[in-house]
Protein backbone atom coordinates (compact mmCIF):
# COMPACT_ATOMS: atom_id res chain seq x y z
CA UNK A 1 -44.07 65.46 -53.23
CA UNK A 2 -46.71 62.78 -52.20
CA UNK A 3 -44.64 59.92 -53.52
CA UNK A 4 -41.57 61.23 -51.43
CA UNK A 5 -43.70 61.63 -48.24
CA UNK A 6 -44.88 57.86 -48.90
CA UNK A 7 -41.43 56.64 -49.39
CA UNK A 8 -40.24 58.22 -46.03
CA UNK A 9 -43.25 56.45 -44.23
CA UNK A 10 -42.08 52.89 -45.82
CA UNK A 11 -40.39 51.91 -42.59
CA UNK A 12 -43.54 52.77 -40.55
CA UNK A 13 -45.82 50.77 -42.79
CA UNK A 14 -43.70 47.74 -42.82
CA UNK A 15 -43.52 47.76 -39.08
CA UNK A 16 -47.16 47.86 -38.79
CA UNK A 17 -47.57 44.92 -41.10
CA UNK A 18 -44.93 42.95 -39.26
CA UNK A 19 -46.86 43.74 -35.95
CA UNK A 20 -50.12 42.41 -37.50
CA UNK A 21 -48.48 39.11 -38.78
CA UNK A 22 -46.35 38.18 -35.60
CA UNK A 23 -48.09 39.43 -32.56
CA UNK A 24 -51.27 37.43 -33.11
CA UNK A 25 -49.05 34.29 -33.06
CA UNK A 26 -49.35 32.37 -29.70
CA UNK A 27 -45.71 31.65 -29.63
CA UNK A 28 -44.85 35.31 -29.75
CA UNK A 29 -43.03 36.30 -26.43
CA UNK A 30 -44.42 39.29 -24.41
CA UNK A 31 -41.28 41.12 -24.70
CA UNK A 32 -41.37 40.97 -28.45
CA UNK A 33 -44.98 42.06 -28.78
CA UNK A 34 -44.20 45.16 -26.64
CA UNK A 35 -41.22 45.89 -29.07
CA UNK A 36 -43.33 45.34 -32.10
CA UNK A 37 -46.05 47.38 -30.65
CA UNK A 38 -44.02 50.63 -30.32
CA UNK A 39 -41.73 50.13 -33.18
CA UNK A 40 -43.92 51.87 -35.73
CA UNK A 41 -44.27 54.81 -33.45
CA UNK A 42 -40.47 54.96 -33.06
CA UNK A 43 -40.33 54.93 -36.96
CA UNK A 44 -42.58 58.00 -36.95
CA UNK A 45 -40.13 59.67 -34.72
CA UNK A 46 -37.37 58.86 -37.41
CA UNK A 47 -39.80 60.41 -39.95
CA UNK A 48 -39.96 63.50 -38.02
CA UNK A 49 -36.16 63.53 -37.90
CA UNK A 50 -35.95 63.55 -41.70
CA UNK A 51 -36.66 67.40 -41.31
CA UNK A 52 -32.95 67.52 -40.50
CA UNK A 53 -31.74 70.87 -39.43
CA UNK A 54 -35.33 72.08 -39.57
CA UNK A 55 -36.35 70.08 -36.60
CA UNK A 56 -35.05 72.63 -34.21
CA UNK A 57 -36.87 75.49 -35.81
CA UNK A 58 -40.20 73.72 -36.48
CA UNK A 59 -42.57 74.78 -33.84
CA UNK A 60 -44.41 71.40 -33.71
CA UNK A 61 -41.75 68.91 -34.10
CA UNK A 62 -40.41 68.93 -30.45
CA UNK A 63 -44.00 68.74 -29.03
CA UNK A 64 -44.96 65.89 -31.41
CA UNK A 65 -41.65 63.96 -30.84
CA UNK A 66 -42.41 64.10 -27.11
CA UNK A 67 -46.12 62.85 -27.71
CA UNK A 68 -45.02 59.89 -29.77
CA UNK A 69 -42.24 58.85 -27.47
CA UNK A 70 -44.80 58.98 -24.68
CA UNK A 71 -47.14 57.03 -26.47
CA UNK A 72 -44.56 54.41 -27.35
CA UNK A 73 -43.71 53.97 -23.54
CA UNK A 74 -47.31 53.65 -22.90
CA UNK A 75 -47.66 51.04 -25.58
CA UNK A 76 -44.82 49.07 -23.70
CA UNK A 77 -46.66 49.19 -20.27
CA UNK A 78 -49.90 48.45 -21.69
CA UNK A 79 -48.58 45.31 -23.68
CA UNK A 80 -46.47 43.86 -20.68
CA UNK A 81 -49.56 43.57 -18.61
CA UNK A 82 -52.97 45.26 -19.08
CA UNK A 83 -53.90 44.97 -15.45
CA UNK A 84 -50.43 45.59 -13.45
CA UNK A 85 -49.39 48.53 -15.58
CA UNK A 86 -52.68 49.83 -16.58
CA UNK A 87 -52.40 53.00 -14.74
CA UNK A 88 -48.92 53.50 -15.90
CA UNK A 89 -49.60 53.11 -19.61
CA UNK A 90 -52.77 55.40 -19.36
CA UNK A 91 -50.81 58.10 -17.51
CA UNK A 92 -48.24 58.27 -20.27
CA UNK A 93 -50.78 58.43 -22.92
CA UNK A 94 -52.42 61.20 -20.96
CA UNK A 95 -49.31 63.10 -21.07
CA UNK A 96 -48.90 62.30 -24.67
CA UNK A 97 -52.28 63.93 -25.21
CA UNK A 98 -51.25 67.08 -23.38
CA UNK A 99 -48.09 67.43 -25.86
CA UNK A 100 -50.65 67.04 -28.70
CA UNK A 101 -53.00 69.75 -27.20
CA UNK A 102 -49.98 71.97 -26.74
CA UNK A 103 -48.88 71.26 -30.43
CA UNK A 104 -52.39 71.91 -31.92
CA UNK A 105 -52.62 75.18 -29.87
CA UNK A 106 -55.76 77.11 -28.88
CA UNK A 107 -56.28 79.12 -32.09
CA UNK A 108 -58.89 79.22 -33.57
CA UNK A 109 -60.88 78.48 -30.65
CA UNK A 110 -63.89 77.07 -32.58
CA UNK A 111 -66.39 76.52 -29.65
CA UNK A 112 -68.91 74.87 -32.02
CA UNK A 113 -66.47 71.91 -32.50
CA UNK A 114 -66.04 71.81 -28.80
CA UNK A 115 -69.84 71.80 -28.16
CA UNK A 116 -70.16 68.88 -30.78
CA UNK A 117 -67.38 66.81 -29.15
CA UNK A 118 -68.86 67.39 -25.70
CA UNK A 119 -72.12 65.89 -26.85
CA UNK A 120 -70.33 62.84 -28.17
CA UNK A 121 -68.22 62.68 -24.95
CA UNK A 122 -71.25 62.88 -22.73
CA UNK A 123 -72.98 59.96 -24.31
CA UNK A 124 -69.81 57.94 -24.04
CA UNK A 125 -69.44 58.94 -20.40
CA UNK A 126 -72.93 57.80 -19.55
CA UNK A 127 -72.21 54.52 -21.17
CA UNK A 128 -68.73 53.99 -19.62
CA UNK A 129 -70.05 55.05 -16.13
CA UNK A 130 -72.15 52.00 -15.89
CA UNK A 131 -69.01 49.91 -16.05
CA UNK A 132 -66.91 52.12 -13.76
CA UNK A 133 -69.61 52.16 -11.07
CA UNK A 134 -67.98 49.39 -9.10
CA UNK A 135 -64.43 50.19 -9.67
CA UNK A 136 -62.25 51.90 -7.16
CA UNK A 137 -62.63 55.79 -6.73
CA UNK A 138 -59.07 56.44 -7.85
CA UNK A 139 -59.57 54.46 -11.06
CA UNK A 140 -62.81 56.26 -11.78
CA UNK A 141 -61.21 59.73 -11.45
CA UNK A 142 -58.37 58.76 -13.44
CA UNK A 143 -60.38 57.30 -16.24
CA UNK A 144 -62.69 60.65 -16.37
CA UNK A 145 -59.45 62.97 -16.34
CA UNK A 146 -58.07 60.77 -19.28
CA UNK A 147 -61.33 61.21 -21.23
CA UNK A 148 -61.32 64.78 -20.61
CA UNK A 149 -57.70 65.08 -21.88
CA UNK A 150 -58.24 62.91 -25.15
CA UNK A 151 -61.45 64.81 -25.68
CA UNK A 152 -59.70 68.05 -25.56
CA UNK A 153 -57.02 66.82 -27.99
CA UNK A 154 -59.73 65.83 -30.48
CA UNK A 155 -61.27 69.25 -30.07
CA UNK A 156 -57.88 71.04 -30.81
CA UNK A 157 -56.97 68.55 -33.69
CA UNK A 158 -60.45 69.40 -35.37
CA UNK A 159 -60.59 73.04 -34.54
CA UNK A 160 -59.21 74.21 -37.97
CA UNK A 161 -61.52 72.02 -40.09
CA UNK A 162 -64.71 71.07 -38.17
CA UNK A 163 -67.50 73.75 -38.96
CA UNK A 164 -64.61 75.76 -40.53
CA UNK A 165 -64.84 76.79 -44.14
CA UNK A 166 -61.17 77.67 -44.23
CA UNK A 167 -59.55 74.21 -44.34
CA UNK A 168 -56.81 72.30 -46.17
CA UNK A 169 -56.05 68.67 -46.62
CA UNK A 170 -53.14 68.88 -44.21
CA UNK A 171 -55.44 70.38 -41.39
CA UNK A 172 -58.09 67.67 -42.43
CA UNK A 173 -55.34 64.90 -41.73
CA UNK A 174 -55.03 66.22 -38.05
CA UNK A 175 -58.78 66.22 -37.73
CA UNK A 176 -59.14 62.55 -38.93
CA UNK A 177 -56.13 61.51 -36.92
CA UNK A 178 -57.63 63.04 -33.62
CA UNK A 179 -60.94 61.39 -34.20
CA UNK A 180 -59.45 57.96 -34.84
CA UNK A 181 -57.25 58.40 -31.80
CA UNK A 182 -60.51 58.98 -30.07
CA UNK A 183 -62.12 55.95 -31.53
CA UNK A 184 -59.20 53.83 -30.67
CA UNK A 185 -58.97 54.81 -27.04
CA UNK A 186 -62.60 54.72 -26.35
CA UNK A 187 -62.81 51.43 -27.85
CA UNK A 188 -59.86 50.29 -25.59
CA UNK A 189 -61.56 51.70 -22.49
CA UNK A 190 -64.77 49.64 -23.43
CA UNK A 191 -62.69 46.61 -23.73
CA UNK A 192 -60.80 47.23 -20.51
CA UNK A 193 -63.63 48.14 -18.31
CA UNK A 194 -66.97 46.85 -19.83
CA UNK A 195 -66.60 43.80 -22.09
CA UNK A 196 -63.91 42.29 -24.29
CA UNK A 197 -63.83 43.63 -27.87
CA UNK A 198 -62.73 40.66 -29.91
CA UNK A 199 -61.54 42.52 -32.82
CA UNK A 200 -58.64 44.03 -31.17
CA UNK A 201 -57.06 44.79 -34.52
CA UNK A 202 -59.53 47.58 -34.99
CA UNK A 203 -58.22 49.22 -31.96
CA UNK A 204 -54.57 48.91 -33.07
CA UNK A 205 -55.32 49.85 -36.67
CA UNK A 206 -57.16 53.01 -35.90
CA UNK A 207 -54.36 53.92 -33.41
CA UNK A 208 -51.79 53.67 -35.98
CA UNK A 209 -53.49 55.39 -38.82
CA UNK A 210 -54.37 58.13 -36.18
CA UNK A 211 -50.55 58.61 -35.30
CA UNK A 212 -49.45 58.64 -38.73
CA UNK A 213 -51.94 61.37 -39.82
CA UNK A 214 -51.39 63.66 -36.87
CA UNK A 215 -47.62 63.15 -37.57
CA UNK A 216 -47.84 63.82 -41.37
CA UNK A 217 -50.04 66.80 -40.61
CA UNK A 218 -47.75 68.44 -38.25
CA UNK A 219 -44.58 67.94 -40.06
CA UNK A 220 -46.13 69.32 -43.35
CA UNK A 221 -47.82 72.17 -41.60
CA UNK A 222 -44.92 74.59 -42.64
CA UNK A 223 -45.24 76.18 -39.17
CA UNK A 224 -41.90 77.17 -37.82
CA UNK A 225 -40.70 79.31 -34.95
CA UNK A 226 -39.17 81.83 -37.32
CA UNK A 227 -42.51 82.04 -39.16
CA UNK A 228 -44.41 82.62 -36.07
CA UNK A 229 -42.04 85.27 -34.98
CA UNK A 230 -42.64 87.21 -38.03
């Protein structure tokens, strides 16, 4: 079963390797960088479609597909011009997080996990606020809304495992994926608003691993509409 899932992920893994080989080259045109950035996410969409006829009955698949496609579009905007299309890219990623929150659901609530993430988010906000102090008010508000969305997404991704005795490896994948997406976006925000993070490969690597783990956990959760109705 594990080998079968890994085989389905080969196109995604190869496209990630291609990105890290070609994109750092100075001769790589910007349109190719944008295409290579979103290509692994599109391969994750294809991985979901390997469910075949079960895609329409899988309760998480449509929400996950929407989140991935919004993320891919956000990648394109962020790559084309970090300054000109910054708001466009962040807005699309914000919508992607809304889809992920919807996908993970609100059960169990796990307020202890929420409290833990609020502490982490507060420390981060105190740090980032120093960088946003001189930014325009609309940009500050957008940044705070985005942080709230991704923090909520991480909470819902980890609600079934963090401080919870009833966990499984599939649920743990979702938790790790949500946390890595949090790390990736927080590092990106520091690089965009505070000071350049020269190891940008860390941002991209954690982003791709996060999306892969979230996708694998959702597809293999065995949660279908028919099952929920029962």
